[in-house]
Amino acid sequence: MSTPAPPVVPAVPRALRQLRPGPRPGRSVVHRADVSSLEWAGLLRDGLITPVWGGAARVAACTEDPAVRVAALAALVPERGVIGRATAVWVHVGGPSPARADVLVRTRARRPDPHPDRRTHEAELSDADVLTIDGVRVTTVLRTALDVARWLPPAQSLPLLRALRDVGLDTGRAARAAASLHGGRGVRRARHVLAQVADERTTAGGERAPGGAQARIAGSSAPRDPVIR
């Protein structure tokens, strides 16, 4: 008795194979520019990737974290640039992604070419103001808070500052740092907003921190933070 021949499996057309690709091994983020339109559509349809920001999506097997958010923005950050302001809040905290990336460059340094997805700002940054995540530089939580308080109106900055508390912002230290600034645009606003956030009820029982933010500022012996421009 002869053994029956195995069934013939028809070849899958190339166009259909393109709709069901898998992300390349070792990658946490896929950029739309790096794959075809069919591949992108297939990855999204099959739930293999989840949009993170603009034309970047994280691989479904990867948890969204600061490293994933930085990878989504990396192409917009030049070697001399630093992710800052509201975009740095998003990197640290997550939540709704920004419409455009805020990138800081040193004062009087050459600015990167204009890009529709990027805003460039000049800033004085010390090494203590910056951390590196997977090769991309981002302002620290403290520096991010100072910049947000200084450059954004309170209606925008207050929710961002409260979100930064969840990732370790020391609001008392931030308020003291703002109080040490002298002159310059937005400094008075930064002092007021950070003092307000520091003085808010933050404990589960709704009790105010002893003495309030103003007492902490007045009695501070903390060293002066670098001047922010």
C-alpha atoms as a PDB file:
ATOM      1  CA  MET A   1       0.000   0.000   0.000  1.00  0.00           C
ATOM      2  CA  SER A   2       1.584   3.281  -1.083  1.00  0.00           C
ATOM      3  CA  THR A   3       1.946   6.241   1.300  1.00  0.00           C
ATOM      4  CA  PRO A   4      -0.283   9.119   0.259  1.00  0.00           C
ATOM      5  CA  ALA A   5       1.557  12.170  -0.923  1.00  0.00           C
ATOM      6  CA  PRO A   6       1.492  15.174   1.435  1.00  0.00           C
ATOM      7  CA  PRO A   7      -1.016  17.831   0.510  1.00  0.00           C
ATOM      8  CA  VAL A   8       0.263  20.616  -1.651  1.00  0.00           C
ATOM      9  CA  VAL A   9       0.286  23.922   0.216  1.00  0.00           C
ATOM     10  CA  PRO A  10      -0.225  26.793  -2.185  1.00  0.00           C
ATOM     11  CA  ALA A  11       2.380  29.523  -2.058  1.00  0.00           C
ATOM     12  CA  VAL A  12       1.294  32.654  -0.238  1.00  0.00           C
ATOM     13  CA  PRO A  13       1.471  35.656  -2.535  1.00  0.00           C
ATOM     14  CA  ARG A  14       4.232  38.104  -1.594  1.00  0.00           C
ATOM     15  CA  ALA A  15       1.716  40.916  -1.069  1.00  0.00           C
ATOM     16  CA  LEU A  16      -0.064  38.843   1.584  1.00  0.00           C
ATOM     17  CA  ARG A  17       3.197  37.876   3.281  1.00  0.00           C
ATOM     18  CA  GLN A  18       3.962  41.556   3.601  1.00  0.00           C
ATOM     19  CA  LEU A  19       0.773  42.072   5.571  1.00  0.00           C
ATOM     20  CA  ARG A  20       1.894  39.663   8.289  1.00  0.00           C
ATOM     21  CA  PRO A  21       5.533  40.416   8.997  1.00  0.00           C
ATOM     22  CA  GLY A  22       7.043  40.165  12.445  1.00  0.00           C
ATOM     23  CA  PRO A  23       9.118  42.964  13.968  1.00  0.00           C
ATOM     24  CA  ARG A  24      12.852  42.460  13.660  1.00  0.00           C
ATOM     25  CA  PRO A  25      14.417  40.704  16.678  1.00  0.00           C
ATOM     26  CA  GLY A  26      15.851  42.986  19.347  1.00  0.00           C
ATOM     27  CA  ARG A  27      13.831  46.021  18.355  1.00  0.00           C
ATOM     28  CA  SER A  28      11.429  47.635  20.778  1.00  0.00           C
ATOM     29  CA  VAL A  29      10.249  50.362  18.381  1.00  0.00           C
ATOM     30  CA  VAL A  30       9.310  50.218  14.706  1.00  0.00           C
ATOM     31  CA  HIS A  31       9.351  53.403  12.647  1.00  0.00           C
ATOM     32  CA  ARG A  32       6.907  53.784   9.807  1.00  0.00           C
ATOM     33  CA  ALA A  33       9.655  55.113   7.546  1.00  0.00           C
ATOM     34  CA  ASP A  34      11.571  51.834   7.919  1.00  0.00           C
ATOM     35  CA  VAL A  35       8.847  49.521   6.594  1.00  0.00           C
ATOM     36  CA  SER A  36       6.497  49.507   3.640  1.00  0.00           C
ATOM     37  CA  SER A  37       2.923  50.747   3.893  1.00  0.00           C
ATOM     38  CA  LEU A  38       1.698  47.153   3.633  1.00  0.00           C
ATOM     39  CA  GLU A  39       4.007  46.007   6.430  1.00  0.00           C
ATOM     40  CA  TRP A  40       2.924  48.872   8.675  1.00  0.00           C
ATOM     41  CA  ALA A  41      -0.752  48.147   8.045  1.00  0.00           C
ATOM     42  CA  GLY A  42      -0.231  44.454   8.717  1.00  0.00           C
ATOM     43  CA  LEU A  43       1.651  45.006  11.954  1.00  0.00           C
ATOM     44  CA  LEU A  44      -1.042  47.332  13.260  1.00  0.00           C
ATOM     45  CA  ARG A  45      -3.900  45.107  12.129  1.00  0.00           C
ATOM     46  CA  ASP A  46      -2.434  42.034  13.792  1.00  0.00           C
ATOM     47  CA  GLY A  47      -1.721  43.853  17.035  1.00  0.00           C
ATOM     48  CA  LEU A  48       2.029  43.296  16.717  1.00  0.00           C
ATOM     49  CA  ILE A  49       2.779  46.976  17.272  1.00  0.00           C
ATOM     50  CA  THR A  50       1.105  49.796  19.206  1.00  0.00           C
ATOM     51  CA  PRO A  51       1.511  53.479  18.231  1.00  0.00           C
ATOM     52  CA  VAL A  52       3.692  55.469  20.624  1.00  0.00           C
ATOM     53  CA  TRP A  53       4.382  58.777  18.920  1.00  0.00           C
ATOM     54  CA  GLY A  54       3.931  60.050  15.370  1.00  0.00           C
ATOM     55  CA  GLY A  55       5.291  57.448  12.987  1.00  0.00           C
ATOM     56  CA  ALA A  56       6.755  55.245  15.711  1.00  0.00           C
ATOM     57  CA  ALA A  57       5.175  52.241  17.405  1.00  0.00           C
ATOM     58  CA  ARG A  58       6.353  49.875  20.108  1.00  0.00           C
ATOM     59  CA  VAL A  59       6.509  46.136  19.621  1.00  0.00           C
ATOM     60  CA  ALA A  60       3.536  44.633  21.468  1.00  0.00           C
ATOM     61  CA  ALA A  61       5.766  42.343  23.529  1.00  0.00           C
ATOM     62  CA  CYS A  62       7.600  45.375  24.980  1.00  0.00           C
ATOM     63  CA  THR A  63       6.246  47.443  27.854  1.00  0.00           C
ATOM     64  CA  GLU A  64       6.158  51.168  27.187  1.00  0.00           C
ATOM     65  CA  ASP A  65       8.762  52.877  29.353  1.00  0.00           C
ATOM     66  CA  PRO A  66      11.145  55.849  29.064  1.00  0.00           C
ATOM     67  CA  ALA A  67      13.528  53.841  26.870  1.00  0.00           C
ATOM     68  CA  VAL A  68      10.742  53.046  24.401  1.00  0.00           C
ATOM     69  CA  ARG A  69       9.561  56.662  24.316  1.00  0.00           C
ATOM     70  CA  VAL A  70      13.109  57.888  23.773  1.00  0.00           C
ATOM     71  CA  ALA A  71      13.575  55.405  20.926  1.00  0.00           C
ATOM     72  CA  ALA A  72      10.441  56.794  19.295  1.00  0.00           C
ATOM     73  CA  LEU A  73      11.946  60.303  19.318  1.00  0.00           C
ATOM     74  CA  ALA A  74      15.625  59.529  18.771  1.00  0.00           C
ATOM     75  CA  ALA A  75      15.710  60.461  15.088  1.00  0.00           C
ATOM     76  CA  LEU A  76      14.642  64.025  15.979  1.00  0.00           C
ATOM     77  CA  VAL A  77      17.383  64.613  18.553  1.00  0.00           C
ATOM     78  CA  PRO A  78      20.742  65.704  17.102  1.00  0.00           C
ATOM     79  CA  GLU A  79      23.943  64.646  18.808  1.00  0.00           C
ATOM     80  CA  ARG A  80      24.232  68.009  20.549  1.00  0.00           C
ATOM     81  CA  GLY A  81      20.532  68.137  21.474  1.00  0.00           C
ATOM     82  CA  VAL A  82      18.610  67.228  24.622  1.00  0.00           C
ATOM     83  CA  ILE A  83      14.940  66.310  24.936  1.00  0.00           C
ATOM     84  CA  GLY A  84      13.375  68.858  27.274  1.00  0.00           C
ATOM     85  CA  ARG A  85      10.331  70.749  28.544  1.00  0.00           C
ATOM     86  CA  ALA A  86       6.934  69.085  28.021  1.00  0.00           C
ATOM     87  CA  THR A  87       8.463  66.375  25.825  1.00  0.00           C
ATOM     88  CA  ALA A  88      10.808  65.380  28.642  1.00  0.00           C
ATOM     89  CA  VAL A  89       7.775  65.090  30.932  1.00  0.00           C
ATOM     90  CA  TRP A  90       6.295  62.643  28.431  1.00  0.00           C
ATOM     91  CA  VAL A  91       9.535  60.642  28.325  1.00  0.00           C
ATOM     92  CA  HIS A  92       9.645  60.397  32.127  1.00  0.00           C
ATOM     93  CA  VAL A  93       5.921  59.900  32.782  1.00  0.00           C
ATOM     94  CA  GLY A  94       4.151  58.733  29.620  1.00  0.00           C
ATOM     95  CA  GLY A  95       0.548  59.611  28.851  1.00  0.00           C
ATOM     96  CA  PRO A  96      -0.677  61.463  25.749  1.00  0.00           C
ATOM     97  CA  SER A  97       2.195  62.019  23.343  1.00  0.00           C
ATOM     98  CA  PRO A  98       3.224  65.569  22.355  1.00  0.00           C
ATOM     99  CA  ALA A  99       2.397  66.931  18.921  1.00  0.00           C
ATOM    100  CA  ARG A 100       6.007  68.065  18.448  1.00  0.00           C
ATOM    101  CA  ALA A 101       9.269  67.213  20.179  1.00  0.00           C
ATOM    102  CA  ASP A 102      10.962  69.898  22.299  1.00  0.00           C
ATOM    103  CA  VAL A 103      14.726  69.733  21.800  1.00  0.00           C
ATOM    104  CA  LEU A 104      17.174  71.925  23.730  1.00  0.00           C
ATOM    105  CA  VAL A 105      20.537  73.072  22.406  1.00  0.00           C
ATOM    106  CA  ARG A 106      23.147  75.113  24.215  1.00  0.00           C
ATOM    107  CA  THR A 107      22.838  78.886  23.982  1.00  0.00           C
ATOM    108  CA  ARG A 108      24.533  80.262  20.875  1.00  0.00           C
ATOM    109  CA  ALA A 109      25.183  76.753  19.541  1.00  0.00           C
ATOM    110  CA  ARG A 110      24.197  75.958  15.975  1.00  0.00           C
ATOM    111  CA  ARG A 111      20.546  74.956  15.814  1.00  0.00           C
ATOM    112  CA  PRO A 112      19.480  71.841  13.908  1.00  0.00           C
ATOM    113  CA  ASP A 113      17.660  72.306  10.634  1.00  0.00           C
ATOM    114  CA  PRO A 114      13.919  73.046  10.936  1.00  0.00           C
ATOM    115  CA  HIS A 115      11.679  70.000  11.144  1.00  0.00           C
ATOM    116  CA  PRO A 116       7.860  69.919  11.284  1.00  0.00           C
ATOM    117  CA  ASP A 117       7.935  67.480  14.207  1.00  0.00           C
ATOM    118  CA  ARG A 118      10.471  69.386  16.303  1.00  0.00           C
ATOM    119  CA  ARG A 119      10.727  72.658  18.255  1.00  0.00           C
ATOM    120  CA  THR A 120      14.236  73.815  19.150  1.00  0.00           C
ATOM    121  CA  HIS A 121      15.010  76.006  22.182  1.00  0.00           C
ATOM    122  CA  GLU A 122      18.255  77.464  23.508  1.00  0.00           C
ATOM    123  CA  ALA A 123      19.182  76.615  27.086  1.00  0.00           C
ATOM    124  CA  GLU A 124      22.100  76.642  29.504  1.00  0.00           C
ATOM    125  CA  LEU A 125      22.593  73.046  30.644  1.00  0.00           C
ATOM    126  CA  SER A 126      25.075  71.559  33.075  1.00  0.00           C
ATOM    127  CA  ASP A 127      25.984  67.885  33.237  1.00  0.00           C
ATOM    128  CA  ALA A 128      23.811  67.611  36.340  1.00  0.00           C
ATOM    129  CA  ASP A 129      20.787  68.711  34.315  1.00  0.00           C
ATOM    130  CA  VAL A 130      20.993  65.850  31.817  1.00  0.00           C
ATOM    131  CA  LEU A 131      20.722  62.084  31.876  1.00  0.00           C
ATOM    132  CA  THR A 132      21.223  59.630  29.028  1.00  0.00           C
ATOM    133  CA  ILE A 133      18.702  56.944  28.125  1.00  0.00           C
ATOM    134  CA  ASP A 134      19.873  54.471  25.488  1.00  0.00           C
ATOM    135  CA  GLY A 135      22.231  57.021  24.010  1.00  0.00           C
ATOM    136  CA  VAL A 136      19.717  59.897  23.885  1.00  0.00           C
ATOM    137  CA  ARG A 137      20.028  62.830  26.271  1.00  0.00           C
ATOM    138  CA  VAL A 138      17.021  63.993  28.309  1.00  0.00           C
ATOM    139  CA  THR A 139      16.715  66.624  31.024  1.00  0.00           C
ATOM    140  CA  THR A 140      16.466  65.192  34.532  1.00  0.00           C
ATOM    141  CA  VAL A 141      13.161  65.191  36.369  1.00  0.00           C
ATOM    142  CA  LEU A 142      14.247  68.214  38.432  1.00  0.00           C
ATOM    143  CA  ARG A 143      15.479  70.253  35.465  1.00  0.00           C
ATOM    144  CA  THR A 144      12.393  69.279  33.484  1.00  0.00           C
ATOM    145  CA  ALA A 145      10.182  70.604  36.296  1.00  0.00           C
ATOM    146  CA  LEU A 146      12.063  73.911  36.413  1.00  0.00           C
ATOM    147  CA  ASP A 147      11.797  74.375  32.649  1.00  0.00           C
ATOM    148  CA  VAL A 148       8.114  73.472  32.501  1.00  0.00           C
ATOM    149  CA  ALA A 149       7.318  75.842  35.370  1.00  0.00           C
ATOM    150  CA  ARG A 150       9.274  78.625  33.728  1.00  0.00           C
ATOM    151  CA  TRP A 151       8.256  78.384  30.099  1.00  0.00           C
ATOM    152  CA  LEU A 152       4.666  77.114  30.121  1.00  0.00           C
ATOM    153  CA  PRO A 153       1.583  78.914  31.445  1.00  0.00           C
ATOM    154  CA  PRO A 154       0.307  77.540  34.784  1.00  0.00           C
ATOM    155  CA  ALA A 155      -2.744  75.935  33.183  1.00  0.00           C
ATOM    156  CA  GLN A 156      -0.344  73.701  31.231  1.00  0.00           C
ATOM    157  CA  SER A 157       2.510  73.367  33.685  1.00  0.00           C
ATOM    158  CA  LEU A 158       0.595  72.406  36.833  1.00  0.00           C
ATOM    159  CA  PRO A 159      -0.714  69.047  35.522  1.00  0.00           C
ATOM    160  CA  LEU A 160       2.747  68.220  34.177  1.00  0.00           C
ATOM    161  CA  LEU A 161       4.423  69.060  37.481  1.00  0.00           C
ATOM    162  CA  ARG A 162       1.928  66.928  39.384  1.00  0.00           C
ATOM    163  CA  ALA A 163       2.649  64.061  37.007  1.00  0.00           C
ATOM    164  CA  LEU A 164       6.387  64.418  37.645  1.00  0.00           C
ATOM    165  CA  ARG A 165       5.749  63.866  41.354  1.00  0.00           C
ATOM    166  CA  ASP A 166       4.810  60.292  40.455  1.00  0.00           C
ATOM    167  CA  VAL A 167       8.296  59.650  39.068  1.00  0.00           C
ATOM    168  CA  GLY A 168      10.216  61.106  41.980  1.00  0.00           C
ATOM    169  CA  LEU A 169      10.113  64.888  41.663  1.00  0.00           C
ATOM    170  CA  ASP A 170      11.099  66.418  44.995  1.00  0.00           C
ATOM    171  CA  THR A 171       8.744  69.394  44.906  1.00  0.00           C
ATOM    172  CA  GLY A 172      10.403  71.064  47.870  1.00  0.00           C
ATOM    173  CA  ARG A 173      13.804  70.901  46.199  1.00  0.00           C
ATOM    174  CA  ALA A 174      12.313  72.183  42.944  1.00  0.00           C
ATOM    175  CA  ALA A 175      10.698  75.111  44.763  1.00  0.00           C
ATOM    176  CA  ARG A 176      13.997  75.949  46.456  1.00  0.00           C
ATOM    177  CA  ALA A 177      15.830  75.773  43.126  1.00  0.00           C
ATOM    178  CA  ALA A 178      13.291  78.158  41.578  1.00  0.00           C
ATOM    179  CA  ALA A 179      13.672  80.524  44.517  1.00  0.00           C
ATOM    180  CA  SER A 180      17.433  80.657  43.882  1.00  0.00           C
ATOM    181  CA  LEU A 181      16.999  81.890  40.308  1.00  0.00           C
ATOM    182  CA  HIS A 182      17.493  85.599  39.693  1.00  0.00           C
ATOM    183  CA  GLY A 183      16.166  87.542  36.734  1.00  0.00           C
ATOM    184  CA  GLY A 184      15.234  86.222  33.343  1.00  0.00           C
ATOM    185  CA  ARG A 185      12.004  85.473  31.611  1.00  0.00           C
ATOM    186  CA  GLY A 186       9.513  83.307  33.472  1.00  0.00           C
ATOM    187  CA  VAL A 187      11.469  83.079  36.727  1.00  0.00           C
ATOM    188  CA  ARG A 188       8.761  84.711  38.840  1.00  0.00           C
ATOM    189  CA  ARG A 189       6.146  82.410  37.337  1.00  0.00           C
ATOM    190  CA  ALA A 190       8.338  79.359  37.999  1.00  0.00           C
ATOM    191  CA  ARG A 191       8.727  80.325  41.654  1.00  0.00           C
ATOM    192  CA  HIS A 192       4.986  80.756  42.116  1.00  0.00           C
ATOM    193  CA  VAL A 193       3.965  77.546  40.350  1.00  0.00           C
ATOM    194  CA  LEU A 194       6.567  75.332  41.999  1.00  0.00           C
ATOM    195  CA  ALA A 195       5.787  76.784  45.421  1.00  0.00           C
ATOM    196  CA  GLN A 196       2.122  75.987  44.788  1.00  0.00           C
ATOM    197  CA  VAL A 197       2.864  72.397  43.791  1.00  0.00           C
ATOM    198  CA  ALA A 198       5.194  71.947  46.756  1.00  0.00           C
ATOM    199  CA  ASP A 199       2.521  73.242  49.097  1.00  0.00           C
ATOM    200  CA  GLU A 200      -0.319  71.095  47.831  1.00  0.00           C
ATOM    201  CA  ARG A 201      -1.764  68.261  49.825  1.00  0.00           C
ATOM    202  CA  THR A 202       0.107  65.182  48.693  1.00  0.00           C
ATOM    203  CA  THR A 203      -0.464  62.604  51.416  1.00  0.00           C
ATOM    204  CA  ALA A 204      -3.289  60.105  51.287  1.00  0.00           C
ATOM    205  CA  GLY A 205      -4.803  61.666  54.378  1.00  0.00           C
ATOM    206  CA  GLY A 206      -4.837  65.105  52.770  1.00  0.00           C
ATOM    207  CA  GLU A 207      -2.461  66.699  55.268  1.00  0.00           C
ATOM    208  CA  ARG A 208      -0.212  69.540  54.239  1.00  0.00           C
ATOM    209  CA  ALA A 209       3.531  69.141  54.494  1.00  0.00           C
ATOM    210  CA  PRO A 210       4.676  70.832  57.731  1.00  0.00           C
ATOM    211  CA  GLY A 211       5.362  74.507  57.322  1.00  0.00           C
ATOM    212  CA  GLY A 212       4.284  74.756  53.705  1.00  0.00           C
ATOM    213  CA  ALA A 213       6.382  75.521  50.679  1.00  0.00           C
ATOM    214  CA  GLN A 214       7.106  79.118  51.642  1.00  0.00           C
ATOM    215  CA  ALA A 215       8.664  78.074  54.940  1.00  0.00           C
ATOM    216  CA  ARG A 216      10.798  75.485  53.187  1.00  0.00           C
ATOM    217  CA  ILE A 217      11.989  78.058  50.662  1.00  0.00           C
ATOM    218  CA  ALA A 218      12.813  80.659  53.290  1.00  0.00           C
ATOM    219  CA  GLY A 219      14.722  78.196  55.448  1.00  0.00           C
ATOM    220  CA  SER A 220      16.547  76.413  52.656  1.00  0.00           C
ATOM    221  CA  SER A 221      20.285  75.899  52.836  1.00  0.00           C
ATOM    222  CA  ALA A 222      20.395  73.952  49.564  1.00  0.00           C
ATOM    223  CA  PRO A 223      23.168  74.897  47.112  1.00  0.00           C
ATOM    224  CA  ARG A 224      22.184  77.034  44.164  1.00  0.00           C
ATOM    225  CA  ASP A 225      21.200  75.127  41.039  1.00  0.00           C
ATOM    226  CA  PRO A 226      22.680  76.081  37.655  1.00  0.00           C
ATOM    227  CA  VAL A 227      21.170  79.190  36.072  1.00  0.00           C
ATOM    228  CA  ILE A 228      18.490  78.374  33.527  1.00  0.00           C
ATOM    229  CA  ARG A 229      18.156  80.549  30.454  1.00  0.00           C
END
